[in-house]
Amino acid sequence: MGKKGLKCLLLVLLIFAATYMALVGVYRLGTMATIIMGLILLGLGIAFLFFSITTSDTRKGNYFGIFSGLFLWAVLGEVVEKLGGIAITEWQMFPLLGWFTFLIALLGIKRYLPTGLLFSLGHFNAVWLLHFVMVNQFELMGRTSWITYPSCAIFALLVILFGYRMTRAETNTENMAYSLALLLTGWTVLEYIWGWRLLPGPWML
């Protein structure tokens, strides 16, 4: 399962990098181009969400769900903020984030929804939660605040845990879930390091 997990991680990272670079390029073209890109990503997010529910192949459905969550985040978490709309990572959004996180956790534990749909909602929620924690620590307390160091250490430990669990997973769904968790927590560790200016971030390129 370790090789399957790494394949999932690399594929999701590749799509993420392509989406990120596309957004960076579109932002430079102006507001109209950004709006068009946002609508395209929204369409992809909804389409992939539909495919995640309708496909009979579990692993393929999970991939559709993961990419759906990524595209929906790109729209609601990035493009909307860039256009001057609501920034869902601001601390005032904590009640909504807390409610949404509780709901996703409950649906996941009870298994009320198809796995593809849970991957979509779970991926969106995980990116939102991790980004919310890091961004507000840096913005409200400062990038050199003491709390950023144990937070980064906790995420680093989670990287190790998720990597281990990924290699021991018994099903494709479990394997992909831990692979995605490994990628997201690993990326969060890198964002802390970039925030501390120990290494240049990808935007510097």
C-alpha atoms as a PDB file:
ATOM      1  CA  MET A   1       0.000   0.000   0.000  1.00  0.00           C
ATOM      2  CA  GLY A   2       2.981   2.303   0.448  1.00  0.00           C
ATOM      3  CA  LYS A   3       3.569   2.646  -3.312  1.00  0.00           C
ATOM      4  CA  LYS A   4      -0.116   3.282  -3.973  1.00  0.00           C
ATOM      5  CA  GLY A   5      -0.138   5.941  -1.285  1.00  0.00           C
ATOM      6  CA  LEU A   6       2.921   7.689  -2.715  1.00  0.00           C
ATOM      7  CA  LYS A   7       1.371   7.566  -6.187  1.00  0.00           C
ATOM      8  CA  CYS A   8      -1.760   9.240  -4.810  1.00  0.00           C
ATOM      9  CA  LEU A   9       0.307  11.848  -2.971  1.00  0.00           C
ATOM     10  CA  LEU A  10       2.376  12.736  -6.038  1.00  0.00           C
ATOM     11  CA  LEU A  11      -0.639  12.918  -8.333  1.00  0.00           C
ATOM     12  CA  VAL A  12      -2.556  15.215  -5.981  1.00  0.00           C
ATOM     13  CA  LEU A  13       0.573  17.344  -5.486  1.00  0.00           C
ATOM     14  CA  LEU A  14       0.965  17.638  -9.275  1.00  0.00           C
ATOM     15  CA  ILE A  15      -2.655  18.795  -9.733  1.00  0.00           C
ATOM     16  CA  PHE A  16      -2.289  21.182  -6.808  1.00  0.00           C
ATOM     17  CA  ALA A  17       0.909  22.680  -8.250  1.00  0.00           C
ATOM     18  CA  ALA A  18      -0.702  23.074 -11.680  1.00  0.00           C
ATOM     19  CA  THR A  19      -3.758  24.774 -10.156  1.00  0.00           C
ATOM     20  CA  TYR A  20      -1.585  27.070  -8.034  1.00  0.00           C
ATOM     21  CA  MET A  21       0.581  28.127 -10.982  1.00  0.00           C
ATOM     22  CA  ALA A  22      -2.498  28.676 -13.153  1.00  0.00           C
ATOM     23  CA  LEU A  23      -4.016  30.963 -10.508  1.00  0.00           C
ATOM     24  CA  VAL A  24      -0.787  32.936 -10.136  1.00  0.00           C
ATOM     25  CA  GLY A  25      -0.678  33.495 -13.883  1.00  0.00           C
ATOM     26  CA  VAL A  26      -4.359  34.410 -14.137  1.00  0.00           C
ATOM     27  CA  TYR A  27      -4.159  36.905 -11.266  1.00  0.00           C
ATOM     28  CA  ARG A  28      -1.655  38.880 -13.315  1.00  0.00           C
ATOM     29  CA  LEU A  29      -4.115  39.114 -16.215  1.00  0.00           C
ATOM     30  CA  GLY A  30      -6.657  41.059 -14.204  1.00  0.00           C
ATOM     31  CA  THR A  31     -10.092  40.787 -12.641  1.00  0.00           C
ATOM     32  CA  MET A  32     -12.022  39.416 -15.632  1.00  0.00           C
ATOM     33  CA  ALA A  33      -9.528  36.614 -16.198  1.00  0.00           C
ATOM     34  CA  THR A  34      -9.680  35.774 -12.489  1.00  0.00           C
ATOM     35  CA  ILE A  35     -13.488  35.601 -12.582  1.00  0.00           C
ATOM     36  CA  ILE A  36     -13.416  33.317 -15.630  1.00  0.00           C
ATOM     37  CA  MET A  37     -10.827  31.073 -13.978  1.00  0.00           C
ATOM     38  CA  GLY A  38     -12.942  30.961 -10.831  1.00  0.00           C
ATOM     39  CA  LEU A  39     -15.996  29.859 -12.822  1.00  0.00           C
ATOM     40  CA  ILE A  40     -13.958  27.166 -14.587  1.00  0.00           C
ATOM     41  CA  LEU A  41     -12.657  25.826 -11.280  1.00  0.00           C
ATOM     42  CA  LEU A  42     -16.147  25.935  -9.789  1.00  0.00           C
ATOM     43  CA  GLY A  43     -17.473  23.958 -12.751  1.00  0.00           C
ATOM     44  CA  LEU A  44     -14.684  21.402 -12.387  1.00  0.00           C
ATOM     45  CA  GLY A  45     -15.288  21.132  -8.653  1.00  0.00           C
ATOM     46  CA  ILE A  46     -19.005  20.447  -9.130  1.00  0.00           C
ATOM     47  CA  ALA A  47     -18.430  18.075 -12.068  1.00  0.00           C
ATOM     48  CA  PHE A  48     -15.832  16.056 -10.170  1.00  0.00           C
ATOM     49  CA  LEU A  49     -18.136  15.966  -7.173  1.00  0.00           C
ATOM     50  CA  PHE A  50     -20.813  14.420  -9.384  1.00  0.00           C
ATOM     51  CA  PHE A  51     -18.332  11.914 -10.840  1.00  0.00           C
ATOM     52  CA  SER A  52     -17.182  10.926  -7.336  1.00  0.00           C
ATOM     53  CA  ILE A  53     -20.737   9.872  -6.520  1.00  0.00           C
ATOM     54  CA  THR A  54     -21.662   8.164  -9.790  1.00  0.00           C
ATOM     55  CA  THR A  55     -18.527   6.152 -10.626  1.00  0.00           C
ATOM     56  CA  SER A  56     -18.490   2.481  -9.643  1.00  0.00           C
ATOM     57  CA  ASP A  57     -14.699   2.350  -9.214  1.00  0.00           C
ATOM     58  CA  THR A  58     -13.944   3.188  -5.570  1.00  0.00           C
ATOM     59  CA  ARG A  59     -10.383   4.406  -6.090  1.00  0.00           C
ATOM     60  CA  LYS A  60     -11.357   6.511  -9.099  1.00  0.00           C
ATOM     61  CA  GLY A  61     -14.297   7.946  -7.166  1.00  0.00           C
ATOM     62  CA  ASN A  62     -11.977   8.874  -4.321  1.00  0.00           C
ATOM     63  CA  TYR A  63      -9.664  10.686  -6.748  1.00  0.00           C
ATOM     64  CA  PHE A  64     -12.605  12.610  -8.179  1.00  0.00           C
ATOM     65  CA  GLY A  65     -13.586  13.578  -4.645  1.00  0.00           C
ATOM     66  CA  ILE A  66     -10.066  14.731  -3.742  1.00  0.00           C
ATOM     67  CA  PHE A  67      -9.778  16.888  -6.857  1.00  0.00           C
ATOM     68  CA  SER A  68     -13.282  18.243  -6.333  1.00  0.00           C
ATOM     69  CA  GLY A  69     -12.316  19.423  -2.844  1.00  0.00           C
ATOM     70  CA  LEU A  70      -9.139  21.000  -4.229  1.00  0.00           C
ATOM     71  CA  PHE A  71     -10.949  22.930  -6.965  1.00  0.00           C
ATOM     72  CA  LEU A  72     -13.702  24.082  -4.620  1.00  0.00           C
ATOM     73  CA  TRP A  73     -11.084  25.370  -2.191  1.00  0.00           C
ATOM     74  CA  ALA A  74      -9.309  27.172  -5.039  1.00  0.00           C
ATOM     75  CA  VAL A  75     -12.556  29.021  -5.747  1.00  0.00           C
ATOM     76  CA  LEU A  76     -13.920  29.682  -2.247  1.00  0.00           C
ATOM     77  CA  GLY A  77     -10.623  29.976  -0.398  1.00  0.00           C
ATOM     78  CA  GLU A  78      -8.452  31.702  -2.997  1.00  0.00           C
ATOM     79  CA  VAL A  79     -10.284  33.302  -5.930  1.00  0.00           C
ATOM     80  CA  VAL A  80     -13.132  34.786  -3.873  1.00  0.00           C
ATOM     81  CA  GLU A  81     -10.646  36.410  -1.497  1.00  0.00           C
ATOM     82  CA  LYS A  82      -8.535  37.670  -4.400  1.00  0.00           C
ATOM     83  CA  LEU A  83     -11.631  39.353  -5.879  1.00  0.00           C
ATOM     84  CA  GLY A  84     -12.263  41.169  -2.594  1.00  0.00           C
ATOM     85  CA  GLY A  85     -14.959  38.850  -1.303  1.00  0.00           C
ATOM     86  CA  ILE A  86     -15.195  37.047   2.031  1.00  0.00           C
ATOM     87  CA  ALA A  87     -11.895  35.626   3.291  1.00  0.00           C
ATOM     88  CA  ILE A  88     -12.912  32.358   4.941  1.00  0.00           C
ATOM     89  CA  THR A  89      -9.572  32.067   6.748  1.00  0.00           C
ATOM     90  CA  GLU A  90     -10.191  35.159   8.898  1.00  0.00           C
ATOM     91  CA  TRP A  91     -10.650  34.489  12.627  1.00  0.00           C
ATOM     92  CA  GLN A  92     -14.267  35.706  12.486  1.00  0.00           C
ATOM     93  CA  MET A  93     -15.082  32.614  10.431  1.00  0.00           C
ATOM     94  CA  PHE A  94     -14.172  30.291  13.314  1.00  0.00           C
ATOM     95  CA  PRO A  95     -17.808  29.453  14.287  1.00  0.00           C
ATOM     96  CA  LEU A  96     -18.613  28.438  10.697  1.00  0.00           C
ATOM     97  CA  LEU A  97     -15.389  26.448  10.428  1.00  0.00           C
ATOM     98  CA  GLY A  98     -16.065  24.720  13.763  1.00  0.00           C
ATOM     99  CA  TRP A  99     -19.599  23.786  12.740  1.00  0.00           C
ATOM    100  CA  PHE A 100     -18.483  22.531   9.325  1.00  0.00           C
ATOM    101  CA  THR A 101     -15.629  20.487  10.824  1.00  0.00           C
ATOM    102  CA  PHE A 102     -17.987  18.882  13.364  1.00  0.00           C
ATOM    103  CA  LEU A 103     -20.479  18.043  10.621  1.00  0.00           C
ATOM    104  CA  ILE A 104     -17.848  16.443   8.362  1.00  0.00           C
ATOM    105  CA  ALA A 105     -16.414  14.453  11.282  1.00  0.00           C
ATOM    106  CA  LEU A 106     -19.892  13.207  12.208  1.00  0.00           C
ATOM    107  CA  LEU A 107     -20.741  12.239   8.628  1.00  0.00           C
ATOM    108  CA  GLY A 108     -17.394  10.492   8.274  1.00  0.00           C
ATOM    109  CA  ILE A 109     -17.740   8.488  11.481  1.00  0.00           C
ATOM    110  CA  LYS A 110     -21.333   7.495  10.760  1.00  0.00           C
ATOM    111  CA  ARG A 111     -20.566   6.855   7.068  1.00  0.00           C
ATOM    112  CA  TYR A 112     -23.759   8.505   5.940  1.00  0.00           C
ATOM    113  CA  LEU A 113     -22.220   9.686   2.639  1.00  0.00           C
ATOM    114  CA  PRO A 114     -20.404   7.982  -0.267  1.00  0.00           C
ATOM    115  CA  THR A 115     -16.630   7.926   0.190  1.00  0.00           C
ATOM    116  CA  GLY A 116     -16.024  10.090  -2.878  1.00  0.00           C
ATOM    117  CA  LEU A 117     -18.272  12.811  -1.499  1.00  0.00           C
ATOM    118  CA  LEU A 118     -16.588  12.570   1.892  1.00  0.00           C
ATOM    119  CA  PHE A 119     -13.195  12.963   0.227  1.00  0.00           C
ATOM    120  CA  SER A 120     -14.412  16.130  -1.481  1.00  0.00           C
ATOM    121  CA  LEU A 121     -15.886  17.706   1.643  1.00  0.00           C
ATOM    122  CA  GLY A 122     -13.110  16.374   3.867  1.00  0.00           C
ATOM    123  CA  HIS A 123     -10.354  17.695   1.622  1.00  0.00           C
ATOM    124  CA  PHE A 124     -11.963  21.133   1.479  1.00  0.00           C
ATOM    125  CA  ASN A 125     -12.441  21.131   5.245  1.00  0.00           C
ATOM    126  CA  ALA A 126      -8.888  19.966   5.981  1.00  0.00           C
ATOM    127  CA  VAL A 127      -7.304  22.663   3.802  1.00  0.00           C
ATOM    128  CA  TRP A 128      -9.549  25.277   5.380  1.00  0.00           C
ATOM    129  CA  LEU A 129      -8.767  24.138   8.936  1.00  0.00           C
ATOM    130  CA  LEU A 130      -4.995  23.859   8.472  1.00  0.00           C
ATOM    131  CA  HIS A 131      -4.800  27.157   6.610  1.00  0.00           C
ATOM    132  CA  PHE A 132      -6.970  28.839   9.240  1.00  0.00           C
ATOM    133  CA  VAL A 133      -4.717  27.716  12.102  1.00  0.00           C
ATOM    134  CA  MET A 134      -1.463  28.760  10.466  1.00  0.00           C
ATOM    135  CA  VAL A 135      -2.635  32.034   8.907  1.00  0.00           C
ATOM    136  CA  ASN A 136      -4.208  33.312  12.126  1.00  0.00           C
ATOM    137  CA  GLN A 137      -1.182  32.388  14.203  1.00  0.00           C
ATOM    138  CA  PHE A 138       1.074  34.369  11.885  1.00  0.00           C
ATOM    139  CA  GLU A 139      -1.272  37.321  11.405  1.00  0.00           C
ATOM    140  CA  LEU A 140      -2.581  37.722  14.967  1.00  0.00           C
ATOM    141  CA  MET A 141       0.470  36.680  16.980  1.00  0.00           C
ATOM    142  CA  GLY A 142       3.334  37.270  14.586  1.00  0.00           C
ATOM    143  CA  ARG A 143       5.432  34.918  12.498  1.00  0.00           C
ATOM    144  CA  THR A 144       7.995  34.489  15.299  1.00  0.00           C
ATOM    145  CA  SER A 145       5.437  33.879  18.056  1.00  0.00           C
ATOM    146  CA  TRP A 146       6.322  31.013  20.380  1.00  0.00           C
ATOM    147  CA  ILE A 147       3.097  29.181  19.557  1.00  0.00           C
ATOM    148  CA  THR A 148       4.122  28.637  15.929  1.00  0.00           C
ATOM    149  CA  TYR A 149       6.995  26.336  16.943  1.00  0.00           C
ATOM    150  CA  PRO A 150       5.047  23.678  18.905  1.00  0.00           C
ATOM    151  CA  SER A 151       2.286  23.898  16.282  1.00  0.00           C
ATOM    152  CA  CYS A 152       4.766  23.076  13.540  1.00  0.00           C
ATOM    153  CA  ALA A 153       6.223  20.262  15.681  1.00  0.00           C
ATOM    154  CA  ILE A 154       2.740  18.748  16.117  1.00  0.00           C
ATOM    155  CA  PHE A 155       2.153  18.806  12.358  1.00  0.00           C
ATOM    156  CA  ALA A 156       5.567  17.229  11.806  1.00  0.00           C
ATOM    157  CA  LEU A 157       4.639  14.385  14.173  1.00  0.00           C
ATOM    158  CA  LEU A 158       1.364  13.965  12.296  1.00  0.00           C
ATOM    159  CA  VAL A 159       3.348  13.650   9.056  1.00  0.00           C
ATOM    160  CA  ILE A 160       5.220  10.698  10.542  1.00  0.00           C
ATOM    161  CA  LEU A 161       2.030   9.141  11.908  1.00  0.00           C
ATOM    162  CA  PHE A 162       0.100   9.499   8.649  1.00  0.00           C
ATOM    163  CA  GLY A 163       3.044   8.176   6.640  1.00  0.00           C
ATOM    164  CA  TYR A 164       3.210   5.083   8.851  1.00  0.00           C
ATOM    165  CA  ARG A 165      -0.549   4.522   8.730  1.00  0.00           C
ATOM    166  CA  MET A 166      -0.515   4.938   4.945  1.00  0.00           C
ATOM    167  CA  THR A 167       1.899   2.019   4.570  1.00  0.00           C
ATOM    168  CA  ARG A 168      -0.219  -0.147   6.891  1.00  0.00           C
ATOM    169  CA  ALA A 169      -3.588   0.666   5.314  1.00  0.00           C
ATOM    170  CA  GLU A 170      -5.702  -2.346   4.346  1.00  0.00           C
ATOM    171  CA  THR A 171      -8.109  -0.712   1.892  1.00  0.00           C
ATOM    172  CA  ASN A 172      -7.732   1.740  -1.000  1.00  0.00           C
ATOM    173  CA  THR A 173      -9.929   4.301   0.735  1.00  0.00           C
ATOM    174  CA  GLU A 174      -7.914   4.172   3.954  1.00  0.00           C
ATOM    175  CA  ASN A 175      -4.662   4.307   1.996  1.00  0.00           C
ATOM    176  CA  MET A 176      -5.750   7.393   0.044  1.00  0.00           C
ATOM    177  CA  ALA A 177      -7.086   9.120   3.141  1.00  0.00           C
ATOM    178  CA  TYR A 178      -3.762   8.807   4.961  1.00  0.00           C
ATOM    179  CA  SER A 179      -1.858   9.758   1.807  1.00  0.00           C
ATOM    180  CA  LEU A 180      -3.896  12.957   1.511  1.00  0.00           C
ATOM    181  CA  ALA A 181      -3.467  13.681   5.236  1.00  0.00           C
ATOM    182  CA  LEU A 182       0.299  13.170   4.852  1.00  0.00           C
ATOM    183  CA  LEU A 183       0.418  15.637   1.969  1.00  0.00           C
ATOM    184  CA  LEU A 184      -1.645  18.309   3.732  1.00  0.00           C
ATOM    185  CA  THR A 185       0.239  18.164   7.041  1.00  0.00           C
ATOM    186  CA  GLY A 186       3.587  18.019   5.233  1.00  0.00           C
ATOM    187  CA  TRP A 187       2.640  21.085   3.206  1.00  0.00           C
ATOM    188  CA  THR A 188       1.606  22.869   6.411  1.00  0.00           C
ATOM    189  CA  VAL A 189       5.043  22.195   7.921  1.00  0.00           C
ATOM    190  CA  LEU A 190       6.606  23.740   4.819  1.00  0.00           C
ATOM    191  CA  GLU A 191       4.331  26.776   5.138  1.00  0.00           C
ATOM    192  CA  TYR A 192       5.564  27.334   8.693  1.00  0.00           C
ATOM    193  CA  ILE A 193       9.154  27.143   7.466  1.00  0.00           C
ATOM    194  CA  TRP A 194       8.370  29.572   4.648  1.00  0.00           C
ATOM    195  CA  GLY A 195       6.610  31.849   7.115  1.00  0.00           C
ATOM    196  CA  TRP A 196       9.714  31.935   9.289  1.00  0.00           C
ATOM    197  CA  ARG A 197      11.694  32.919   6.159  1.00  0.00           C
ATOM    198  CA  LEU A 198      14.030  29.968   6.628  1.00  0.00           C
ATOM    199  CA  LEU A 199      13.420  28.945   3.022  1.00  0.00           C
ATOM    200  CA  PRO A 200      11.951  30.882   0.076  1.00  0.00           C
ATOM    201  CA  GLY A 201       8.321  30.033  -0.648  1.00  0.00           C
ATOM    202  CA  PRO A 202       7.096  28.922  -4.097  1.00  0.00           C
ATOM    203  CA  TRP A 203       5.674  32.405  -4.739  1.00  0.00           C
ATOM    204  CA  MET A 204       9.284  33.672  -4.754  1.00  0.00           C
ATOM    205  CA  LEU A 205       9.828  31.672  -7.947  1.00  0.00           C
END
